[in-house]
Amino acid sequence: MAAGKKGRAKKLKNHFTPEQIAALREKIISRLEWHQRGWFDSLTLCREAGIRNRMILKSRQIGATWYFAQEALLMALA
């Protein structure tokens, strides 16, 4: 950097504010289908019981890939 020039303030990459996280969580939860909502509601029970894996049949037809990607994002932001 040349003398006398001001540098730019560094932006935080991939930074979410608590308000953005809450809004994202609300938006994701509001878009869940009834069976995906059941998976979301059972997440707390699975954590308390130490269960890390869940068995789901026909996962491609019921939106499991989309759901679990959203769940992983919310868990990473928590």
PDB file of N, CA and C in Angstrom:
ATOM      1  N   MET A   1       0.855  -1.171   0.000  1.00  0.00           N
ATOM      2  CA  MET A   1       0.000   0.000   0.000  1.00  0.00           C
ATOM      3  C   MET A   1       0.899   1.232   0.000  1.00  0.00           C
ATOM      4  N   ALA A   2       0.592   2.167  -0.842  1.00  0.00           N
ATOM      5  CA  ALA A   2       1.381   3.390  -0.953  1.00  0.00           C
ATOM      6  C   ALA A   2       1.176   4.260   0.285  1.00  0.00           C
ATOM      7  N   ALA A   3       2.195   5.051   0.570  1.00  0.00           N
ATOM      8  CA  ALA A   3       2.129   5.927   1.736  1.00  0.00           C
ATOM      9  C   ALA A   3       1.020   6.959   1.567  1.00  0.00           C
ATOM     10  N   GLY A   4       0.265   7.190   2.613  1.00  0.00           N
ATOM     11  CA  GLY A   4      -0.775   8.198   2.597  1.00  0.00           C
ATOM     12  C   GLY A   4      -2.126   7.714   2.100  1.00  0.00           C
ATOM     13  N   LYS A   5      -2.207   6.501   1.594  1.00  0.00           N
ATOM     14  CA  LYS A   5      -3.492   5.978   1.127  1.00  0.00           C
ATOM     15  C   LYS A   5      -4.152   5.181   2.241  1.00  0.00           C
ATOM     16  N   LYS A   6      -5.432   5.378   2.335  1.00  0.00           N
ATOM     17  CA  LYS A   6      -6.182   4.642   3.351  1.00  0.00           C
ATOM     18  C   LYS A   6      -6.611   3.295   2.789  1.00  0.00           C
ATOM     19  N   GLY A   7      -6.503   2.281   3.606  1.00  0.00           N
ATOM     20  CA  GLY A   7      -6.949   0.958   3.186  1.00  0.00           C
ATOM     21  C   GLY A   7      -8.431   0.777   3.462  1.00  0.00           C
ATOM     22  N   ARG A   8      -9.009  -0.141   2.767  1.00  0.00           N
ATOM     23  CA  ARG A   8     -10.423  -0.448   2.986  1.00  0.00           C
ATOM     24  C   ARG A   8     -10.577  -1.278   4.252  1.00  0.00           C
ATOM     25  N   ALA A   9     -11.675  -1.089   4.883  1.00  0.00           N
ATOM     26  CA  ALA A   9     -11.980  -1.929   6.041  1.00  0.00           C
ATOM     27  C   ALA A   9     -12.291  -3.332   5.531  1.00  0.00           C
ATOM     28  N   LYS A  10     -11.743  -4.331   6.196  1.00  0.00           N
ATOM     29  CA  LYS A  10     -11.977  -5.707   5.770  1.00  0.00           C
ATOM     30  C   LYS A  10     -13.397  -6.120   6.106  1.00  0.00           C
ATOM     31  N   LYS A  11     -14.039  -6.738   5.141  1.00  0.00           N
ATOM     32  CA  LYS A  11     -15.379  -7.263   5.364  1.00  0.00           C
ATOM     33  C   LYS A  11     -15.257  -8.683   5.894  1.00  0.00           C
ATOM     34  N   LEU A  12     -16.144  -9.033   6.784  1.00  0.00           N
ATOM     35  CA  LEU A  12     -16.177 -10.402   7.264  1.00  0.00           C
ATOM     36  C   LEU A  12     -16.826 -11.268   6.193  1.00  0.00           C
ATOM     37  N   LYS A  13     -16.134 -12.309   5.785  1.00  0.00           N
ATOM     38  CA  LYS A  13     -16.682 -13.191   4.764  1.00  0.00           C
ATOM     39  C   LYS A  13     -17.671 -14.147   5.397  1.00  0.00           C
ATOM     40  N   ASN A  14     -18.763 -14.347   4.701  1.00  0.00           N
ATOM     41  CA  ASN A  14     -19.789 -15.294   5.142  1.00  0.00           C
ATOM     42  C   ASN A  14     -20.257 -15.012   6.569  1.00  0.00           C
ATOM     43  N   HIS A  15     -20.379 -13.769   6.903  1.00  0.00           N
ATOM     44  CA  HIS A  15     -20.796 -13.393   8.251  1.00  0.00           C
ATOM     45  C   HIS A  15     -22.305 -13.156   8.275  1.00  0.00           C
ATOM     46  N   PHE A  16     -22.968 -13.800   9.229  1.00  0.00           N
ATOM     47  CA  PHE A  16     -24.400 -13.604   9.434  1.00  0.00           C
ATOM     48  C   PHE A  16     -24.599 -12.938  10.783  1.00  0.00           C
ATOM     49  N   THR A  17     -25.410 -11.914  10.821  1.00  0.00           N
ATOM     50  CA  THR A  17     -25.746 -11.291  12.093  1.00  0.00           C
ATOM     51  C   THR A  17     -26.781 -12.166  12.797  1.00  0.00           C
ATOM     52  N   PRO A  18     -26.938 -12.025  14.105  1.00  0.00           N
ATOM     53  CA  PRO A  18     -27.972 -12.801  14.807  1.00  0.00           C
ATOM     54  C   PRO A  18     -29.372 -12.568  14.236  1.00  0.00           C
ATOM     55  N   GLU A  19     -29.644 -11.353  13.783  1.00  0.00           N
ATOM     56  CA  GLU A  19     -30.951 -11.063  13.193  1.00  0.00           C
ATOM     57  C   GLU A  19     -31.137 -11.814  11.876  1.00  0.00           C
ATOM     58  N   GLN A  20     -30.076 -11.884  11.076  1.00  0.00           N
ATOM     59  CA  GLN A  20     -30.148 -12.609   9.811  1.00  0.00           C
ATOM     60  C   GLN A  20     -30.335 -14.105  10.046  1.00  0.00           C
ATOM     61  N   ILE A  21     -29.662 -14.635  11.057  1.00  0.00           N
ATOM     62  CA  ILE A  21     -29.798 -16.057  11.383  1.00  0.00           C
ATOM     63  C   ILE A  21     -31.226 -16.363  11.812  1.00  0.00           C
ATOM     64  N   ALA A  22     -31.796 -15.507  12.655  1.00  0.00           N
ATOM     65  CA  ALA A  22     -33.177 -15.716  13.110  1.00  0.00           C
ATOM     66  C   ALA A  22     -34.151 -15.646  11.936  1.00  0.00           C
ATOM     67  N   ALA A  23     -33.942 -14.699  11.032  1.00  0.00           N
ATOM     68  CA  ALA A  23     -34.819 -14.572   9.862  1.00  0.00           C
ATOM     69  C   ALA A  23     -34.681 -15.780   8.941  1.00  0.00           C
ATOM     70  N   LEU A  24     -33.459 -16.253   8.758  1.00  0.00           N
ATOM     71  CA  LEU A  24     -33.225 -17.429   7.922  1.00  0.00           C
ATOM     72  C   LEU A  24     -33.879 -18.660   8.525  1.00  0.00           C
ATOM     73  N   ARG A  25     -33.716 -18.833   9.842  1.00  0.00           N
ATOM     74  CA  ARG A  25     -34.332 -19.975  10.529  1.00  0.00           C
ATOM     75  C   ARG A  25     -35.853 -19.944  10.349  1.00  0.00           C
ATOM     76  N   GLU A  26     -36.449 -18.792  10.531  1.00  0.00           N
ATOM     77  CA  GLU A  26     -37.901 -18.657  10.395  1.00  0.00           C
ATOM     78  C   GLU A  26     -38.354 -18.958   8.970  1.00  0.00           C
ATOM     79  N   LYS A  27     -37.602 -18.469   7.997  1.00  0.00           N
ATOM     80  CA  LYS A  27     -37.962 -18.701   6.594  1.00  0.00           C
ATOM     81  C   LYS A  27     -37.866 -20.178   6.239  1.00  0.00           C
ATOM     82  N   ILE A  28     -36.810 -20.844   6.689  1.00  0.00           N
ATOM     83  CA  ILE A  28     -36.644 -22.272   6.396  1.00  0.00           C
ATOM     84  C   ILE A  28     -37.751 -23.080   7.052  1.00  0.00           C
ATOM     85  N   ILE A  29     -38.019 -22.809   8.318  1.00  0.00           N
ATOM     86  CA  ILE A  29     -39.045 -23.568   9.041  1.00  0.00           C
ATOM     87  C   ILE A  29     -40.419 -23.357   8.413  1.00  0.00           C
ATOM     88  N   SER A  30     -40.697 -22.155   7.961  1.00  0.00           N
ATOM     89  CA  SER A  30     -42.012 -21.881   7.378  1.00  0.00           C
ATOM     90  C   SER A  30     -42.223 -22.599   6.044  1.00  0.00           C
ATOM     91  N   ARG A  31     -41.153 -22.991   5.374  1.00  0.00           N
ATOM     92  CA  ARG A  31     -41.263 -23.651   4.075  1.00  0.00           C
ATOM     93  C   ARG A  31     -41.273 -25.174   4.171  1.00  0.00           C
ATOM     94  N   LEU A  32     -41.168 -25.730   5.371  1.00  0.00           N
ATOM     95  CA  LEU A  32     -41.123 -27.186   5.518  1.00  0.00           C
ATOM     96  C   LEU A  32     -42.487 -27.814   5.273  1.00  0.00           C
ATOM     97  N   GLU A  33     -42.468 -28.960   4.616  1.00  0.00           N
ATOM     98  CA  GLU A  33     -43.681 -29.763   4.463  1.00  0.00           C
ATOM     99  C   GLU A  33     -43.942 -30.478   5.780  1.00  0.00           C
ATOM    100  N   TRP A  34     -45.098 -31.105   5.927  1.00  0.00           N
ATOM    101  CA  TRP A  34     -45.477 -31.719   7.209  1.00  0.00           C
ATOM    102  C   TRP A  34     -44.489 -32.799   7.636  1.00  0.00           C
ATOM    103  N   HIS A  35     -44.024 -33.631   6.708  1.00  0.00           N
ATOM    104  CA  HIS A  35     -43.102 -34.705   7.091  1.00  0.00           C
ATOM    105  C   HIS A  35     -41.715 -34.144   7.415  1.00  0.00           C
ATOM    106  N   GLN A  36     -41.296 -33.083   6.732  1.00  0.00           N
ATOM    107  CA  GLN A  36     -40.026 -32.444   7.044  1.00  0.00           C
ATOM    108  C   GLN A  36     -40.106 -31.740   8.391  1.00  0.00           C
ATOM    109  N   ARG A  37     -41.267 -31.208   8.718  1.00  0.00           N
ATOM    110  CA  ARG A  37     -41.464 -30.567  10.024  1.00  0.00           C
ATOM    111  C   ARG A  37     -41.311 -31.598  11.144  1.00  0.00           C
ATOM    112  N   GLY A  38     -41.772 -32.819  10.885  1.00  0.00           N
ATOM    113  CA  GLY A  38     -41.582 -33.903  11.849  1.00  0.00           C
ATOM    114  C   GLY A  38     -40.112 -34.205  12.077  1.00  0.00           C
ATOM    115  N   TRP A  39     -39.321 -34.196  11.009  1.00  0.00           N
ATOM    116  CA  TRP A  39     -37.878 -34.411  11.156  1.00  0.00           C
ATOM    117  C   TRP A  39     -37.262 -33.286  11.975  1.00  0.00           C
ATOM    118  N   PHE A  40     -37.681 -32.060  11.694  1.00  0.00           N
ATOM    119  CA  PHE A  40     -37.136 -30.912  12.411  1.00  0.00           C
ATOM    120  C   PHE A  40     -37.508 -30.973  13.891  1.00  0.00           C
ATOM    121  N   ASP A  41     -38.759 -31.313  14.179  1.00  0.00           N
ATOM    122  CA  ASP A  41     -39.211 -31.392  15.568  1.00  0.00           C
ATOM    123  C   ASP A  41     -38.501 -32.508  16.328  1.00  0.00           C
ATOM    124  N   SER A  42     -38.148 -33.598  15.637  1.00  0.00           N
ATOM    125  CA  SER A  42     -37.487 -34.720  16.308  1.00  0.00           C
ATOM    126  C   SER A  42     -35.987 -34.488  16.475  1.00  0.00           C
ATOM    127  N   LEU A  43     -35.454 -33.449  15.857  1.00  0.00           N
ATOM    128  CA  LEU A  43     -34.021 -33.176  15.939  1.00  0.00           C
ATOM    129  C   LEU A  43     -33.560 -32.995  17.381  1.00  0.00           C
ATOM    130  N   THR A  44     -34.309 -32.269  18.181  1.00  0.00           N
ATOM    131  CA  THR A  44     -33.948 -32.045  19.581  1.00  0.00           C
ATOM    132  C   THR A  44     -33.929 -33.360  20.349  1.00  0.00           C
ATOM    133  N   LEU A  45     -34.925 -34.199  20.117  1.00  0.00           N
ATOM    134  CA  LEU A  45     -34.977 -35.494  20.790  1.00  0.00           C
ATOM    135  C   LEU A  45     -33.790 -36.364  20.400  1.00  0.00           C
ATOM    136  N   CYS A  46     -33.437 -36.345  19.132  1.00  0.00           N
ATOM    137  CA  CYS A  46     -32.295 -37.136  18.664  1.00  0.00           C
ATOM    138  C   CYS A  46     -30.999 -36.646  19.302  1.00  0.00           C
ATOM    139  N   ARG A  47     -30.836 -35.341  19.398  1.00  0.00           N
ATOM    140  CA  ARG A  47     -29.628 -34.795  20.028  1.00  0.00           C
ATOM    141  C   ARG A  47     -29.539 -35.212  21.488  1.00  0.00           C
ATOM    142  N   GLU A  48     -30.657 -35.106  22.215  1.00  0.00           N
ATOM    143  CA  GLU A  48     -30.671 -35.460  23.632  1.00  0.00           C
ATOM    144  C   GLU A  48     -30.369 -36.934  23.846  1.00  0.00           C
ATOM    145  N   ALA A  49     -30.815 -37.785  22.917  1.00  0.00           N
ATOM    146  CA  ALA A  49     -30.593 -39.225  23.027  1.00  0.00           C
ATOM    147  C   ALA A  49     -29.240 -39.641  22.454  1.00  0.00           C
ATOM    148  N   GLY A  50     -28.507 -38.713  21.872  1.00  0.00           N
ATOM    149  CA  GLY A  50     -27.205 -39.027  21.297  1.00  0.00           C
ATOM    150  C   GLY A  50     -27.291 -39.733  19.952  1.00  0.00           C
ATOM    151  N   ILE A  51     -28.425 -39.614  19.286  1.00  0.00           N
ATOM    152  CA  ILE A  51     -28.617 -40.250  17.979  1.00  0.00           C
ATOM    153  C   ILE A  51     -28.114 -39.297  16.899  1.00  0.00           C
ATOM    154  N   ARG A  52     -27.147 -39.776  16.101  1.00  0.00           N
ATOM    155  CA  ARG A  52     -26.583 -38.929  15.056  1.00  0.00           C
ATOM    156  C   ARG A  52     -27.095 -39.285  13.674  1.00  0.00           C
ATOM    157  N   ASN A  53     -27.558 -40.511  13.498  1.00  0.00           N
ATOM    158  CA  ASN A  53     -28.026 -40.968  12.190  1.00  0.00           C
ATOM    159  C   ASN A  53     -29.514 -41.241  12.232  1.00  0.00           C
ATOM    160  N   ARG A  54     -30.183 -40.903  11.151  1.00  0.00           N
ATOM    161  CA  ARG A  54     -31.611 -41.183  11.025  1.00  0.00           C
ATOM    162  C   ARG A  54     -31.835 -41.932   9.724  1.00  0.00           C
ATOM    163  N   MET A  55     -32.690 -42.927   9.759  1.00  0.00           N
ATOM    164  CA  MET A  55     -32.976 -43.742   8.581  1.00  0.00           C
ATOM    165  C   MET A  55     -34.256 -43.237   7.922  1.00  0.00           C
ATOM    166  N   ILE A  56     -34.163 -42.936   6.632  1.00  0.00           N
ATOM    167  CA  ILE A  56     -35.314 -42.428   5.892  1.00  0.00           C
ATOM    168  C   ILE A  56     -35.386 -43.174   4.568  1.00  0.00           C
ATOM    169  N   LEU A  57     -36.545 -43.721   4.263  1.00  0.00           N
ATOM    170  CA  LEU A  57     -36.740 -44.431   3.006  1.00  0.00           C
ATOM    171  C   LEU A  57     -37.171 -43.464   1.913  1.00  0.00           C
ATOM    172  N   LYS A  58     -36.774 -43.769   0.694  1.00  0.00           N
ATOM    173  CA  LYS A  58     -37.164 -42.984  -0.485  1.00  0.00           C
ATOM    174  C   LYS A  58     -36.839 -41.500  -0.315  1.00  0.00           C
ATOM    175  N   SER A  59     -35.645 -41.224   0.122  1.00  0.00           N
ATOM    176  CA  SER A  59     -35.283 -39.846   0.461  1.00  0.00           C
ATOM    177  C   SER A  59     -35.315 -38.894  -0.727  1.00  0.00           C
ATOM    178  N   ARG A  60     -35.078 -39.367  -1.936  1.00  0.00           N
ATOM    179  CA  ARG A  60     -35.088 -38.447  -3.082  1.00  0.00           C
ATOM    180  C   ARG A  60     -36.488 -37.946  -3.402  1.00  0.00           C
ATOM    181  N   GLN A  61     -37.479 -38.775  -3.167  1.00  0.00           N
ATOM    182  CA  GLN A  61     -38.839 -38.397  -3.518  1.00  0.00           C
ATOM    183  C   GLN A  61     -39.481 -37.448  -2.507  1.00  0.00           C
ATOM    184  N   ILE A  62     -38.952 -37.364  -1.315  1.00  0.00           N
ATOM    185  CA  ILE A  62     -39.619 -36.589  -0.267  1.00  0.00           C
ATOM    186  C   ILE A  62     -38.842 -35.344   0.162  1.00  0.00           C
ATOM    187  N   GLY A  63     -37.818 -34.980  -0.587  1.00  0.00           N
ATOM    188  CA  GLY A  63     -37.089 -33.747  -0.303  1.00  0.00           C
ATOM    189  C   GLY A  63     -36.111 -33.838   0.843  1.00  0.00           C
ATOM    190  N   ALA A  64     -35.580 -35.019   1.114  1.00  0.00           N
ATOM    191  CA  ALA A  64     -34.663 -35.175   2.242  1.00  0.00           C
ATOM    192  C   ALA A  64     -33.339 -34.455   2.008  1.00  0.00           C
ATOM    193  N   THR A  65     -32.833 -34.487   0.798  1.00  0.00           N
ATOM    194  CA  THR A  65     -31.556 -33.830   0.510  1.00  0.00           C
ATOM    195  C   THR A  65     -31.657 -32.336   0.796  1.00  0.00           C
ATOM    196  N   TRP A  66     -32.717 -31.707   0.304  1.00  0.00           N
ATOM    197  CA  TRP A  66     -32.919 -30.280   0.545  1.00  0.00           C
ATOM    198  C   TRP A  66     -33.063 -30.011   2.042  1.00  0.00           C
ATOM    199  N   TYR A  67     -33.872 -30.833   2.715  1.00  0.00           N
ATOM    200  CA  TYR A  67     -34.121 -30.609   4.133  1.00  0.00           C
ATOM    201  C   TYR A  67     -32.829 -30.705   4.941  1.00  0.00           C
ATOM    202  N   PHE A  68     -32.055 -31.782   4.734  1.00  0.00           N
ATOM    203  CA  PHE A  68     -30.867 -31.986   5.554  1.00  0.00           C
ATOM    204  C   PHE A  68     -29.772 -30.962   5.243  1.00  0.00           C
ATOM    205  N   ALA A  69     -29.746 -30.427   4.038  1.00  0.00           N
ATOM    206  CA  ALA A  69     -28.822 -29.331   3.736  1.00  0.00           C
ATOM    207  C   ALA A  69     -29.210 -28.088   4.534  1.00  0.00           C
ATOM    208  N   GLN A  70     -30.511 -27.808   4.604  1.00  0.00           N
ATOM    209  CA  GLN A  70     -30.987 -26.658   5.377  1.00  0.00           C
ATOM    210  C   GLN A  70     -30.719 -26.864   6.872  1.00  0.00           C
ATOM    211  N   GLU A  71     -30.954 -28.091   7.345  1.00  0.00           N
ATOM    212  CA  GLU A  71     -30.707 -28.404   8.755  1.00  0.00           C
ATOM    213  C   GLU A  71     -29.232 -28.212   9.094  1.00  0.00           C
ATOM    214  N   ALA A  72     -28.339 -28.678   8.226  1.00  0.00           N
ATOM    215  CA  ALA A  72     -26.902 -28.526   8.460  1.00  0.00           C
ATOM    216  C   ALA A  72     -26.504 -27.053   8.503  1.00  0.00           C
ATOM    217  N   LEU A  73     -27.088 -26.251   7.631  1.00  0.00           N
ATOM    218  CA  LEU A  73     -26.803 -24.813   7.640  1.00  0.00           C
ATOM    219  C   LEU A  73     -27.238 -24.188   8.959  1.00  0.00           C
ATOM    220  N   LEU A  74     -28.444 -24.498   9.406  1.00  0.00           N
ATOM    221  CA  LEU A  74     -28.928 -23.934  10.670  1.00  0.00           C
ATOM    222  C   LEU A  74     -28.080 -24.388  11.850  1.00  0.00           C
ATOM    223  N   MET A  75     -27.643 -25.647  11.840  1.00  0.00           N
ATOM    224  CA  MET A  75     -26.798 -26.147  12.929  1.00  0.00           C
ATOM    225  C   MET A  75     -25.434 -25.458  12.915  1.00  0.00           C
ATOM    226  N   ALA A  76     -24.893 -25.205  11.722  1.00  0.00           N
ATOM    227  CA  ALA A  76     -23.594 -24.538  11.621  1.00  0.00           C
ATOM    228  C   ALA A  76     -23.670 -23.088  12.097  1.00  0.00           C
ATOM    229  N   LEU A  77     -24.804 -22.452  11.880  1.00  0.00           N
ATOM    230  CA  LEU A  77     -24.962 -21.053  12.282  1.00  0.00           C
ATOM    231  C   LEU A  77     -25.328 -20.895  13.755  1.00  0.00           C
ATOM    232  N   ALA A  78     -25.766 -21.973  14.381  1.00  0.00           N
ATOM    233  CA  ALA A  78     -26.197 -21.898  15.788  1.00  0.00           C
ATOM    234  C   ALA A  78     -25.025 -21.699  16.722  1.00  0.00           C
TER     235      ALA A  78
END
